[in-house]
Structures are given as C-alpha cells and as structure tokens.
Amino acid sequence: MKKILIAAAIVAPLSACIRDPGFTGVSGMREATAAEVAQCRYITDIRSTPGTYGILASPGVRYARNRILADAQQAGANTVVFDPVSPGTEIYQLHAVAYSC
C-alpha cells in the first residue's frame, strides 16, 4: 500500500505537466501578422516572461508562447499576433495581441 501511495505522489504532478498547454501546444489557435487581423475583433493584450535562459532559452520561449496561446483562447480569441523578434536576440518578455477572427 505504501508503494502505491509513493507512486501516486510521483505520477500526479507529472500528469499535470503532461496536460499543461505550455508543453502540449494549443489546437484551434493560429498566429498571424498585424495586416492579417485588420478586420478581426480585438480581445486582449497578453505578456509572458520565459522562465529559462541560456541553453534552455528556446524551450522556455516555446513554453511562454504556448501559454500565451492558451490564455488567448480562454479569453475568447482564435488568432494571436506576436510582437516581431529579431533572430538571435535574447527574449526577456513576449507580448502578443489576441483577436477573434
């Protein structure tokens, strides 16, 4: 019985991570440019800070982008426009505008 409780204590937090849209992505959302959303309805602005830097910067940015997509979807949006980022630039904060198109 004790082994089952220990296994459950380990598996429960991991299963929460598996369902986290930051890791899994968000279906039904699309990324667009500002010109593509000219006729869409504005929903909200969303900001996120990647929690990792250095070698883990890329997964941290991907996680933050997915969280923005999930937050936008929860707010009623189906399209997101991210601020442009120059290649090779370290990203300390992401900003996106969510729209319903």
N, C-alpha and C. Protein backbone atom coordinates (compact mmCIF):
# COMPACT_ATOMS: atom_id res chain seq x y z
N MET A 1 0.83 -1.20 0.00
CA MET A 1 0.00 0.00 0.00
C MET A 1 0.87 1.26 0.00
N LYS A 2 1.95 1.20 0.76
CA LYS A 2 2.84 2.36 0.86
C LYS A 2 3.48 2.67 -0.51
N LYS A 3 3.83 1.62 -1.28
CA LYS A 3 4.43 1.80 -2.59
C LYS A 3 3.44 2.45 -3.56
N ILE A 4 2.17 2.11 -3.44
CA ILE A 4 1.14 2.69 -4.30
C ILE A 4 1.00 4.19 -4.00
N LEU A 5 1.03 4.55 -2.74
CA LEU A 5 0.92 5.97 -2.36
C LEU A 5 2.13 6.77 -2.86
N ILE A 6 3.31 6.17 -2.76
CA ILE A 6 4.52 6.85 -3.24
C ILE A 6 4.44 7.02 -4.77
N ALA A 7 4.02 5.98 -5.47
CA ALA A 7 3.89 6.07 -6.93
C ALA A 7 2.86 7.13 -7.31
N ALA A 8 1.75 7.19 -6.60
CA ALA A 8 0.73 8.19 -6.89
C ALA A 8 1.25 9.60 -6.64
N ALA A 9 2.06 9.75 -5.59
CA ALA A 9 2.63 11.07 -5.29
C ALA A 9 3.60 11.52 -6.37
N ILE A 10 4.24 10.59 -7.03
CA ILE A 10 5.18 10.93 -8.10
C ILE A 10 4.44 11.17 -9.42
N VAL A 11 3.45 10.36 -9.73
CA VAL A 11 2.75 10.42 -11.00
C VAL A 11 1.80 11.62 -11.08
N ALA A 12 1.16 11.99 -10.00
CA ALA A 12 0.17 13.09 -10.03
C ALA A 12 0.77 14.39 -10.56
N PRO A 13 1.89 14.87 -10.02
CA PRO A 13 2.45 16.12 -10.58
C PRO A 13 2.88 15.99 -12.03
N LEU A 14 3.39 14.82 -12.41
CA LEU A 14 3.81 14.62 -13.80
C LEU A 14 2.63 14.64 -14.75
N SER A 15 1.51 14.09 -14.35
CA SER A 15 0.34 14.10 -15.23
C SER A 15 -0.19 15.51 -15.42
N ALA A 16 -0.05 16.37 -14.41
CA ALA A 16 -0.45 17.76 -14.56
C ALA A 16 0.42 18.46 -15.61
N CYS A 17 1.70 18.15 -15.63
CA CYS A 17 2.61 18.73 -16.62
C CYS A 17 2.25 18.28 -18.03
N ILE A 18 1.84 17.03 -18.16
CA ILE A 18 1.51 16.49 -19.47
C ILE A 18 0.32 17.22 -20.07
N ARG A 19 -0.63 17.65 -19.23
CA ARG A 19 -1.82 18.35 -19.72
C ARG A 19 -1.60 19.86 -19.84
N ASP A 20 -0.49 20.37 -19.39
CA ASP A 20 -0.20 21.79 -19.43
C ASP A 20 -0.04 22.24 -20.88
N PRO A 21 -0.88 23.19 -21.36
CA PRO A 21 -0.77 23.62 -22.76
C PRO A 21 0.57 24.26 -23.10
N GLY A 22 1.29 24.71 -22.09
CA GLY A 22 2.63 25.24 -22.35
C GLY A 22 3.55 24.18 -22.92
N PHE A 23 3.32 22.92 -22.52
CA PHE A 23 4.12 21.81 -23.03
C PHE A 23 3.49 21.16 -24.25
N THR A 24 2.17 21.09 -24.29
CA THR A 24 1.50 20.32 -25.34
C THR A 24 1.09 21.14 -26.55
N GLY A 25 1.02 22.46 -26.42
CA GLY A 25 0.55 23.29 -27.52
C GLY A 25 -0.95 23.51 -27.42
N VAL A 26 -1.48 24.35 -28.30
CA VAL A 26 -2.89 24.71 -28.24
C VAL A 26 -3.50 24.53 -29.63
N SER A 27 -4.47 23.64 -29.73
CA SER A 27 -5.11 23.44 -31.03
C SER A 27 -6.22 24.48 -31.21
N GLY A 28 -6.49 24.81 -32.47
CA GLY A 28 -7.55 25.76 -32.77
C GLY A 28 -7.11 27.21 -32.73
N MET A 29 -5.85 27.46 -32.47
CA MET A 29 -5.32 28.83 -32.44
C MET A 29 -4.37 29.00 -33.62
N ARG A 30 -4.34 30.23 -34.16
CA ARG A 30 -3.39 30.49 -35.24
C ARG A 30 -2.63 31.76 -34.94
N GLU A 31 -1.42 31.83 -35.47
CA GLU A 31 -0.60 33.03 -35.37
C GLU A 31 -0.73 33.78 -36.68
N ALA A 32 -0.80 35.10 -36.61
CA ALA A 32 -0.98 35.92 -37.80
C ALA A 32 -0.11 37.17 -37.69
N THR A 33 -0.10 37.93 -38.78
CA THR A 33 0.57 39.23 -38.77
C THR A 33 -0.47 40.30 -38.49
N ALA A 34 0.00 41.49 -38.18
CA ALA A 34 -0.91 42.60 -37.89
C ALA A 34 -1.81 42.90 -39.09
N ALA A 35 -1.29 42.78 -40.30
CA ALA A 35 -2.09 43.06 -41.50
C ALA A 35 -3.21 42.03 -41.68
N GLU A 36 -2.99 40.81 -41.23
CA GLU A 36 -3.99 39.75 -41.40
C GLU A 36 -5.18 39.86 -40.44
N VAL A 37 -5.05 40.69 -39.42
CA VAL A 37 -6.13 40.79 -38.42
C VAL A 37 -6.85 42.13 -38.48
N ALA A 38 -6.69 42.85 -39.57
CA ALA A 38 -7.29 44.19 -39.69
C ALA A 38 -8.80 44.16 -39.53
N GLN A 39 -9.46 43.11 -39.97
CA GLN A 39 -10.93 43.02 -39.88
C GLN A 39 -11.40 42.20 -38.68
N CYS A 40 -10.49 41.82 -37.80
CA CYS A 40 -10.83 40.99 -36.64
C CYS A 40 -11.17 41.84 -35.43
N ARG A 41 -11.81 41.22 -34.46
CA ARG A 41 -12.20 41.91 -33.22
C ARG A 41 -11.10 41.73 -32.17
N TYR A 42 -10.63 42.85 -31.62
CA TYR A 42 -9.61 42.83 -30.57
C TYR A 42 -10.18 42.17 -29.32
N ILE A 43 -9.38 41.31 -28.68
CA ILE A 43 -9.79 40.66 -27.43
C ILE A 43 -8.97 41.19 -26.26
N THR A 44 -7.64 41.01 -26.30
CA THR A 44 -6.80 41.45 -25.19
C THR A 44 -5.32 41.42 -25.56
N ASP A 45 -4.51 42.09 -24.77
CA ASP A 45 -3.05 42.01 -24.85
C ASP A 45 -2.59 41.02 -23.79
N ILE A 46 -1.58 40.23 -24.13
CA ILE A 46 -1.05 39.24 -23.19
C ILE A 46 0.46 39.33 -23.19
N ARG A 47 1.05 39.27 -22.00
CA ARG A 47 2.51 39.28 -21.85
C ARG A 47 2.92 38.04 -21.06
N SER A 48 4.11 37.54 -21.37
CA SER A 48 4.64 36.39 -20.65
C SER A 48 6.16 36.51 -20.61
N THR A 49 6.73 36.07 -19.53
CA THR A 49 8.18 36.07 -19.38
C THR A 49 8.68 34.64 -19.38
N PRO A 50 9.56 34.30 -20.32
CA PRO A 50 10.13 32.95 -20.31
C PRO A 50 10.89 32.73 -19.00
N GLY A 51 10.76 31.57 -18.44
CA GLY A 51 11.40 31.29 -17.15
C GLY A 51 12.79 30.73 -17.26
N THR A 52 13.30 30.55 -18.47
CA THR A 52 14.63 29.97 -18.63
C THR A 52 15.45 30.81 -19.61
N TYR A 53 16.77 30.74 -19.43
CA TYR A 53 17.69 31.47 -20.28
C TYR A 53 18.89 30.58 -20.59
N GLY A 54 19.78 31.07 -21.42
CA GLY A 54 20.98 30.29 -21.76
C GLY A 54 20.63 29.12 -22.65
N ILE A 55 21.10 27.94 -22.29
CA ILE A 55 20.88 26.75 -23.12
C ILE A 55 19.40 26.38 -23.16
N LEU A 56 18.66 26.71 -22.11
CA LEU A 56 17.24 26.36 -22.05
C LEU A 56 16.33 27.48 -22.55
N ALA A 57 16.90 28.49 -23.19
CA ALA A 57 16.10 29.63 -23.66
C ALA A 57 15.04 29.22 -24.67
N SER A 58 15.40 28.39 -25.62
CA SER A 58 14.45 28.01 -26.67
C SER A 58 13.23 27.28 -26.12
N PRO A 59 13.39 26.26 -25.27
CA PRO A 59 12.19 25.62 -24.70
C PRO A 59 11.39 26.58 -23.82
N GLY A 60 12.07 27.49 -23.15
CA GLY A 60 11.37 28.46 -22.30
C GLY A 60 10.51 29.42 -23.12
N VAL A 61 11.02 29.87 -24.25
CA VAL A 61 10.27 30.75 -25.14
C VAL A 61 9.09 29.99 -25.75
N ARG A 62 9.33 28.74 -26.16
CA ARG A 62 8.24 27.92 -26.73
C ARG A 62 7.13 27.72 -25.70
N TYR A 63 7.51 27.45 -24.46
CA TYR A 63 6.52 27.27 -23.38
C TYR A 63 5.73 28.57 -23.18
N ALA A 64 6.43 29.71 -23.11
CA ALA A 64 5.76 31.00 -22.90
C ALA A 64 4.81 31.33 -24.06
N ARG A 65 5.22 31.04 -25.29
CA ARG A 65 4.35 31.28 -26.46
C ARG A 65 3.10 30.40 -26.38
N ASN A 66 3.27 29.14 -26.02
CA ASN A 66 2.11 28.25 -25.90
C ASN A 66 1.17 28.70 -24.78
N ARG A 67 1.73 29.21 -23.69
CA ARG A 67 0.89 29.72 -22.59
C ARG A 67 0.10 30.94 -23.05
N ILE A 68 0.73 31.81 -23.85
CA ILE A 68 0.02 32.96 -24.39
C ILE A 68 -1.13 32.49 -25.28
N LEU A 69 -0.88 31.50 -26.12
CA LEU A 69 -1.93 30.97 -26.98
C LEU A 69 -3.08 30.40 -26.15
N ALA A 70 -2.75 29.69 -25.07
CA ALA A 70 -3.79 29.11 -24.21
C ALA A 70 -4.58 30.21 -23.50
N ASP A 71 -3.89 31.23 -23.01
CA ASP A 71 -4.58 32.33 -22.33
C ASP A 71 -5.49 33.09 -23.30
N ALA A 72 -5.01 33.28 -24.53
CA ALA A 72 -5.81 33.96 -25.54
C ALA A 72 -7.06 33.16 -25.87
N GLN A 73 -6.91 31.86 -25.99
CA GLN A 73 -8.05 31.00 -26.29
C GLN A 73 -9.08 31.06 -25.15
N GLN A 74 -8.61 31.06 -23.92
CA GLN A 74 -9.52 31.15 -22.78
C GLN A 74 -10.25 32.49 -22.74
N ALA A 75 -9.63 33.52 -23.29
CA ALA A 75 -10.24 34.85 -23.33
C ALA A 75 -11.24 34.98 -24.49
N GLY A 76 -11.31 33.98 -25.35
CA GLY A 76 -12.26 34.01 -26.46
C GLY A 76 -11.65 34.30 -27.82
N ALA A 77 -10.33 34.29 -27.90
CA ALA A 77 -9.65 34.57 -29.17
C ALA A 77 -9.38 33.28 -29.94
N ASN A 78 -9.15 33.44 -31.23
CA ASN A 78 -8.72 32.29 -32.04
C ASN A 78 -7.48 32.63 -32.87
N THR A 79 -6.99 33.87 -32.75
CA THR A 79 -5.82 34.33 -33.50
C THR A 79 -4.96 35.21 -32.60
N VAL A 80 -3.64 35.08 -32.74
CA VAL A 80 -2.71 35.85 -31.93
C VAL A 80 -1.65 36.47 -32.83
N VAL A 81 -1.33 37.73 -32.56
CA VAL A 81 -0.23 38.41 -33.26
C VAL A 81 0.86 38.68 -32.23
N PHE A 82 2.00 38.01 -32.40
CA PHE A 82 3.15 38.22 -31.52
C PHE A 82 3.96 39.39 -32.01
N ASP A 83 4.55 40.16 -31.10
CA ASP A 83 5.48 41.21 -31.49
C ASP A 83 6.65 40.57 -32.22
N PRO A 84 7.15 41.20 -33.28
CA PRO A 84 8.29 40.63 -34.00
C PRO A 84 9.55 40.63 -33.13
N VAL A 85 10.36 39.59 -33.32
CA VAL A 85 11.62 39.44 -32.58
C VAL A 85 12.73 39.21 -33.58
N SER A 86 13.82 39.92 -33.43
CA SER A 86 14.97 39.73 -34.32
C SER A 86 15.65 38.40 -34.00
N PRO A 87 16.01 37.63 -35.03
CA PRO A 87 16.70 36.36 -34.80
C PRO A 87 18.00 36.57 -34.01
N GLY A 88 18.23 35.68 -33.06
CA GLY A 88 19.44 35.76 -32.25
C GLY A 88 19.33 36.66 -31.03
N THR A 89 18.24 37.38 -30.90
CA THR A 89 18.04 38.27 -29.76
C THR A 89 17.51 37.48 -28.57
N GLU A 90 18.08 37.73 -27.38
CA GLU A 90 17.54 37.08 -26.19
C GLU A 90 16.18 37.68 -25.87
N ILE A 91 15.24 36.85 -25.54
CA ILE A 91 13.88 37.29 -25.27
C ILE A 91 13.64 37.27 -23.77
N TYR A 92 13.35 38.45 -23.22
CA TYR A 92 13.09 38.56 -21.79
C TYR A 92 11.61 38.70 -21.50
N GLN A 93 10.84 39.08 -22.51
CA GLN A 93 9.39 39.16 -22.36
C GLN A 93 8.74 39.04 -23.74
N LEU A 94 7.65 38.27 -23.80
CA LEU A 94 6.87 38.14 -25.02
C LEU A 94 5.61 38.95 -24.87
N HIS A 95 5.20 39.57 -25.96
CA HIS A 95 3.95 40.33 -25.97
C HIS A 95 3.16 39.90 -27.20
N ALA A 96 1.88 39.69 -27.00
CA ALA A 96 1.01 39.32 -28.12
C ALA A 96 -0.35 39.99 -27.95
N VAL A 97 -1.02 40.17 -29.07
CA VAL A 97 -2.37 40.72 -29.06
C VAL A 97 -3.30 39.63 -29.58
N ALA A 98 -4.37 39.38 -28.85
CA ALA A 98 -5.31 38.31 -29.21
C ALA A 98 -6.53 38.90 -29.91
N TYR A 99 -6.99 38.20 -30.94
CA TYR A 99 -8.14 38.63 -31.74
C TYR A 99 -9.09 37.46 -31.96
N SER A 100 -10.32 37.82 -32.27
CA SER A 100 -11.31 36.85 -32.72
C SER A 100 -11.60 37.15 -34.19
N CYS A 101 -11.27 36.21 -35.06
CA CYS A 101 -11.44 36.43 -36.50
C CYS A 101 -12.50 35.49 -37.07
